């Protein structure tokens, strides 16, 4: 079990945890990385920056948010932090930073698509995407699937209307 002596150590570890991405997400992110070094292993911060800079940022964020391995890793960190105040503080700080960056980027995306922020505040879009994806993945792992297909279909219908069809998955 990893222990942290300082907030700085916990933060460095949390921000450097790599995530593995599927081929479809990698292809979309690599195509739009604009100089950002991209491989099949990125930190969450690097991935979010690449996803938000992609031609279809909402699709890219949805792919990232609905990755079962990423959700499992997040839930493991949350479980670890329950009895580790230093880790909990760093996860909270990181999550707030991540949410602010995501909301700022979503604001730009909504502006690009002509969606008024009063109709869908960017931070609300960020929270909804995060919550929906986590609950669906967690419930799927328990075998609870009621309403999932309909919810995913509605979200993906909205993304399709804004950004066009979901990016093709290679292979």
C-alpha atoms as a PDB file:
ATOM      1  CA  UNK A   1       0.000   0.000   0.000  1.00  0.00           C
ATOM      2  CA  UNK A   2       1.339   3.416  -0.974  1.00  0.00           C
ATOM      3  CA  UNK A   3       1.532   6.007   1.795  1.00  0.00           C
ATOM      4  CA  UNK A   4       2.038   9.734   1.351  1.00  0.00           C
ATOM      5  CA  UNK A   5       4.014  11.913   3.727  1.00  0.00           C
ATOM      6  CA  UNK A   6       3.047  15.253   2.184  1.00  0.00           C
ATOM      7  CA  UNK A   7       0.313  16.767   0.060  1.00  0.00           C
ATOM      8  CA  UNK A   8       2.876  17.440  -2.667  1.00  0.00           C
ATOM      9  CA  UNK A   9       3.780  13.746  -2.859  1.00  0.00           C
ATOM     10  CA  UNK A  10       0.137  12.688  -3.017  1.00  0.00           C
ATOM     11  CA  UNK A  11      -0.616  15.291  -5.681  1.00  0.00           C
ATOM     12  CA  UNK A  12       2.365  14.278  -7.807  1.00  0.00           C
ATOM     13  CA  UNK A  13       1.310  10.641  -7.665  1.00  0.00           C
ATOM     14  CA  UNK A  14      -2.334  11.373  -8.430  1.00  0.00           C
ATOM     15  CA  UNK A  15      -1.537  13.596 -11.403  1.00  0.00           C
ATOM     16  CA  UNK A  16       0.933  11.111 -12.842  1.00  0.00           C
ATOM     17  CA  UNK A  17      -1.286   8.017 -12.775  1.00  0.00           C
ATOM     18  CA  UNK A  18      -1.433   6.833 -16.365  1.00  0.00           C
ATOM     19  CA  UNK A  19      -4.635   5.763 -18.054  1.00  0.00           C
ATOM     20  CA  UNK A  20      -4.862   3.323 -20.916  1.00  0.00           C
ATOM     21  CA  UNK A  21      -7.075   4.384 -23.761  1.00  0.00           C
ATOM     22  CA  UNK A  22      -8.894   2.370 -26.370  1.00  0.00           C
ATOM     23  CA  UNK A  23      -7.798   2.492 -29.994  1.00  0.00           C
ATOM     24  CA  UNK A  24     -10.735   4.676 -31.100  1.00  0.00           C
ATOM     25  CA  UNK A  25      -9.957   7.316 -28.522  1.00  0.00           C
ATOM     26  CA  UNK A  26      -6.226   7.176 -29.278  1.00  0.00           C
ATOM     27  CA  UNK A  27      -6.860   7.682 -32.990  1.00  0.00           C
ATOM     28  CA  UNK A  28      -9.063  10.720 -32.398  1.00  0.00           C
ATOM     29  CA  UNK A  29      -6.729  12.242 -29.826  1.00  0.00           C
ATOM     30  CA  UNK A  30      -3.592  11.607 -31.890  1.00  0.00           C
ATOM     31  CA  UNK A  31      -5.194  13.244 -34.906  1.00  0.00           C
ATOM     32  CA  UNK A  32      -5.768  16.431 -32.956  1.00  0.00           C
ATOM     33  CA  UNK A  33      -2.949  16.474 -30.415  1.00  0.00           C
ATOM     34  CA  UNK A  34      -1.232  19.439 -32.098  1.00  0.00           C
ATOM     35  CA  UNK A  35       2.198  18.744 -30.744  1.00  0.00           C
ATOM     36  CA  UNK A  36       1.166  17.152 -27.461  1.00  0.00           C
ATOM     37  CA  UNK A  37       3.033  13.871 -27.056  1.00  0.00           C
ATOM     38  CA  UNK A  38       0.398  11.149 -27.265  1.00  0.00           C
ATOM     39  CA  UNK A  39       0.810   7.425 -26.816  1.00  0.00           C
ATOM     40  CA  UNK A  40      -1.555   4.792 -25.528  1.00  0.00           C
ATOM     41  CA  UNK A  41      -0.677   5.854 -21.993  1.00  0.00           C
ATOM     42  CA  UNK A  42      -1.521   9.384 -20.878  1.00  0.00           C
ATOM     43  CA  UNK A  43      -2.218  11.010 -17.567  1.00  0.00           C
ATOM     44  CA  UNK A  44      -5.807  12.119 -17.063  1.00  0.00           C
ATOM     45  CA  UNK A  45      -4.819  15.769 -17.376  1.00  0.00           C
ATOM     46  CA  UNK A  46      -3.007  15.154 -20.679  1.00  0.00           C
ATOM     47  CA  UNK A  47      -5.920  13.146 -22.015  1.00  0.00           C
ATOM     48  CA  UNK A  48      -8.500  15.766 -21.074  1.00  0.00           C
ATOM     49  CA  UNK A  49      -6.468  18.491 -22.798  1.00  0.00           C
ATOM     50  CA  UNK A  50      -6.176  16.368 -25.951  1.00  0.00           C
ATOM     51  CA  UNK A  51      -9.824  15.333 -25.895  1.00  0.00           C
ATOM     52  CA  UNK A  52     -11.030  18.893 -25.528  1.00  0.00           C
ATOM     53  CA  UNK A  53      -8.820  19.997 -28.433  1.00  0.00           C
ATOM     54  CA  UNK A  54     -10.137  17.248 -30.714  1.00  0.00           C
ATOM     55  CA  UNK A  55     -12.563  17.867 -33.590  1.00  0.00           C
ATOM     56  CA  UNK A  56     -15.305  16.109 -31.580  1.00  0.00           C
ATOM     57  CA  UNK A  57     -14.558  17.015 -27.959  1.00  0.00           C
ATOM     58  CA  UNK A  58     -17.881  15.850 -26.525  1.00  0.00           C
ATOM     59  CA  UNK A  59     -17.493  12.403 -28.070  1.00  0.00           C
ATOM     60  CA  UNK A  60     -13.891  12.234 -26.849  1.00  0.00           C
ATOM     61  CA  UNK A  61     -14.891  13.193 -23.293  1.00  0.00           C
ATOM     62  CA  UNK A  62     -17.732  10.675 -23.334  1.00  0.00           C
ATOM     63  CA  UNK A  63     -15.346   7.913 -24.454  1.00  0.00           C
ATOM     64  CA  UNK A  64     -12.964   8.891 -21.657  1.00  0.00           C
ATOM     65  CA  UNK A  65     -15.728   9.131 -19.062  1.00  0.00           C
ATOM     66  CA  UNK A  66     -17.278   5.783 -19.930  1.00  0.00           C
ATOM     67  CA  UNK A  67     -14.027   3.806 -19.882  1.00  0.00           C
ATOM     68  CA  UNK A  68     -14.599   1.084 -17.245  1.00  0.00           C
ATOM     69  CA  UNK A  69     -10.901   0.957 -16.305  1.00  0.00           C
ATOM     70  CA  UNK A  70     -10.783   4.706 -15.698  1.00  0.00           C
ATOM     71  CA  UNK A  71     -13.939   4.631 -13.569  1.00  0.00           C
ATOM     72  CA  UNK A  72     -12.569   1.687 -11.578  1.00  0.00           C
ATOM     73  CA  UNK A  73      -9.307   3.551 -10.946  1.00  0.00           C
ATOM     74  CA  UNK A  74     -11.197   6.644  -9.799  1.00  0.00           C
ATOM     75  CA  UNK A  75     -13.321   4.583  -7.430  1.00  0.00           C
ATOM     76  CA  UNK A  76     -10.198   2.888  -6.026  1.00  0.00           C
ATOM     77  CA  UNK A  77      -8.662   6.292  -5.298  1.00  0.00           C
ATOM     78  CA  UNK A  78     -11.862   7.409  -3.615  1.00  0.00           C
ATOM     79  CA  UNK A  79     -11.905   4.251  -1.484  1.00  0.00           C
ATOM     80  CA  UNK A  80      -8.249   4.722  -0.530  1.00  0.00           C
ATOM     81  CA  UNK A  81      -8.864   8.325   0.409  1.00  0.00           C
ATOM     82  CA  UNK A  82     -11.605   7.520   2.875  1.00  0.00           C
ATOM     83  CA  UNK A  83      -9.081   6.871   5.658  1.00  0.00           C
ATOM     84  CA  UNK A  84      -6.232   8.986   4.286  1.00  0.00           C
ATOM     85  CA  UNK A  85      -6.928  12.700   4.784  1.00  0.00           C
ATOM     86  CA  UNK A  86      -3.881  13.800   2.785  1.00  0.00           C
ATOM     87  CA  UNK A  87      -4.916  11.739  -0.214  1.00  0.00           C
ATOM     88  CA  UNK A  88      -8.558  12.829   0.160  1.00  0.00           C
ATOM     89  CA  UNK A  89      -7.514  16.505   0.151  1.00  0.00           C
ATOM     90  CA  UNK A  90      -5.421  16.007  -2.970  1.00  0.00           C
ATOM     91  CA  UNK A  91      -8.151  14.103  -4.788  1.00  0.00           C
ATOM     92  CA  UNK A  92     -10.613  16.875  -3.945  1.00  0.00           C
ATOM     93  CA  UNK A  93      -8.202  19.579  -5.135  1.00  0.00           C
ATOM     94  CA  UNK A  94      -7.391  17.655  -8.314  1.00  0.00           C
ATOM     95  CA  UNK A  95     -11.068  16.961  -8.997  1.00  0.00           C
ATOM     96  CA  UNK A  96     -11.992  20.616  -8.582  1.00  0.00           C
ATOM     97  CA  UNK A  97      -9.154  21.623 -10.939  1.00  0.00           C
ATOM     98  CA  UNK A  98     -10.192  18.957 -13.442  1.00  0.00           C
ATOM     99  CA  UNK A  99     -13.850  20.095 -13.239  1.00  0.00           C
ATOM    100  CA  UNK A 100     -12.915  23.779 -13.737  1.00  0.00           C
ATOM    101  CA  UNK A 101     -10.763  22.955 -16.771  1.00  0.00           C
ATOM    102  CA  UNK A 102     -13.468  20.744 -18.193  1.00  0.00           C
ATOM    103  CA  UNK A 103     -16.206  23.342 -17.610  1.00  0.00           C
ATOM    104  CA  UNK A 104     -14.084  26.070 -19.234  1.00  0.00           C
ATOM    105  CA  UNK A 105     -13.481  23.868 -22.262  1.00  0.00           C
ATOM    106  CA  UNK A 106     -17.135  22.804 -22.442  1.00  0.00           C
ATOM    107  CA  UNK A 107     -18.079  26.500 -22.389  1.00  0.00           C
ATOM    108  CA  UNK A 108     -16.014  27.001 -25.536  1.00  0.00           C
ATOM    109  CA  UNK A 109     -17.586  23.923 -27.128  1.00  0.00           C
ATOM    110  CA  UNK A 110     -21.103  25.139 -26.297  1.00  0.00           C
ATOM    111  CA  UNK A 111     -20.241  28.564 -27.753  1.00  0.00           C
ATOM    112  CA  UNK A 112     -18.996  26.888 -30.930  1.00  0.00           C
ATOM    113  CA  UNK A 113     -22.330  25.044 -31.249  1.00  0.00           C
ATOM    114  CA  UNK A 114     -24.416  28.114 -30.391  1.00  0.00           C
ATOM    115  CA  UNK A 115     -25.812  26.689 -27.147  1.00  0.00           C
ATOM    116  CA  UNK A 116     -26.603  29.354 -24.568  1.00  0.00           C
ATOM    117  CA  UNK A 117     -24.942  28.813 -21.198  1.00  0.00           C
ATOM    118  CA  UNK A 118     -28.250  29.655 -19.511  1.00  0.00           C
ATOM    119  CA  UNK A 119     -29.787  26.624 -21.246  1.00  0.00           C
ATOM    120  CA  UNK A 120     -26.944  24.333 -20.223  1.00  0.00           C
ATOM    121  CA  UNK A 121     -24.350  25.805 -17.858  1.00  0.00           C
ATOM    122  CA  UNK A 122     -20.938  24.313 -18.688  1.00  0.00           C
ATOM    123  CA  UNK A 123     -20.317  23.122 -15.127  1.00  0.00           C
ATOM    124  CA  UNK A 124     -23.705  21.354 -15.190  1.00  0.00           C
ATOM    125  CA  UNK A 125     -22.727  19.600 -18.434  1.00  0.00           C
ATOM    126  CA  UNK A 126     -19.469  18.537 -16.794  1.00  0.00           C
ATOM    127  CA  UNK A 127     -21.175  17.180 -13.677  1.00  0.00           C
ATOM    128  CA  UNK A 128     -23.868  15.405 -15.686  1.00  0.00           C
ATOM    129  CA  UNK A 129     -21.346  13.719 -17.953  1.00  0.00           C
ATOM    130  CA  UNK A 130     -19.199  12.642 -15.000  1.00  0.00           C
ATOM    131  CA  UNK A 131     -22.096  11.387 -12.889  1.00  0.00           C
ATOM    132  CA  UNK A 132     -23.921   9.593 -15.676  1.00  0.00           C
ATOM    133  CA  UNK A 133     -20.841   7.778 -16.867  1.00  0.00           C
ATOM    134  CA  UNK A 134     -19.698   6.736 -13.375  1.00  0.00           C
ATOM    135  CA  UNK A 135     -23.106   5.479 -12.285  1.00  0.00           C
ATOM    136  CA  UNK A 136     -23.653   3.551 -15.508  1.00  0.00           C
ATOM    137  CA  UNK A 137     -20.228   1.877 -15.293  1.00  0.00           C
ATOM    138  CA  UNK A 138     -20.581   1.112 -11.568  1.00  0.00           C
ATOM    139  CA  UNK A 139     -24.086  -0.286 -11.969  1.00  0.00           C
ATOM    140  CA  UNK A 140     -23.067  -2.331 -15.013  1.00  0.00           C
ATOM    141  CA  UNK A 141     -20.352  -3.942 -12.891  1.00  0.00           C
ATOM    142  CA  UNK A 142     -23.086  -5.004 -10.447  1.00  0.00           C
ATOM    143  CA  UNK A 143     -25.372  -6.279 -13.189  1.00  0.00           C
ATOM    144  CA  UNK A 144     -27.835  -3.381 -12.829  1.00  0.00           C
ATOM    145  CA  UNK A 145     -28.705  -2.109 -16.292  1.00  0.00           C
ATOM    146  CA  UNK A 146     -32.249  -0.679 -16.128  1.00  0.00           C
ATOM    147  CA  UNK A 147     -32.450   2.602 -18.037  1.00  0.00           C
ATOM    148  CA  UNK A 148     -28.808   2.491 -19.133  1.00  0.00           C
ATOM    149  CA  UNK A 149     -29.407   1.846 -22.824  1.00  0.00           C
ATOM    150  CA  UNK A 150     -32.025   4.591 -22.998  1.00  0.00           C
ATOM    151  CA  UNK A 151     -29.783   7.070 -21.164  1.00  0.00           C
ATOM    152  CA  UNK A 152     -26.708   6.314 -23.265  1.00  0.00           C
ATOM    153  CA  UNK A 153     -28.833   6.509 -26.414  1.00  0.00           C
ATOM    154  CA  UNK A 154     -30.142   9.967 -25.436  1.00  0.00           C
ATOM    155  CA  UNK A 155     -26.653  11.283 -24.621  1.00  0.00           C
ATOM    156  CA  UNK A 156     -25.209   9.892 -27.834  1.00  0.00           C
ATOM    157  CA  UNK A 157     -28.156  11.259 -29.846  1.00  0.00           C
ATOM    158  CA  UNK A 158     -27.394  14.718 -28.473  1.00  0.00           C
ATOM    159  CA  UNK A 159     -23.670  14.385 -29.262  1.00  0.00           C
ATOM    160  CA  UNK A 160     -24.504  13.171 -32.774  1.00  0.00           C
ATOM    161  CA  UNK A 161     -26.747  16.209 -33.325  1.00  0.00           C
ATOM    162  CA  UNK A 162     -23.932  18.536 -32.232  1.00  0.00           C
ATOM    163  CA  UNK A 163     -20.777  16.858 -33.533  1.00  0.00           C
ATOM    164  CA  UNK A 164     -21.894  14.338 -36.117  1.00  0.00           C
ATOM    165  CA  UNK A 165     -21.513  10.589 -35.931  1.00  0.00           C
ATOM    166  CA  UNK A 166     -19.373   8.912 -33.299  1.00  0.00           C
ATOM    167  CA  UNK A 167     -15.782   8.522 -34.480  1.00  0.00           C
ATOM    168  CA  UNK A 168     -15.158   5.149 -36.118  1.00  0.00           C
ATOM    169  CA  UNK A 169     -13.350   2.637 -33.978  1.00  0.00           C
ATOM    170  CA  UNK A 170     -10.233   1.310 -35.707  1.00  0.00           C
ATOM    171  CA  UNK A 171      -9.845  -2.413 -36.134  1.00  0.00           C
END
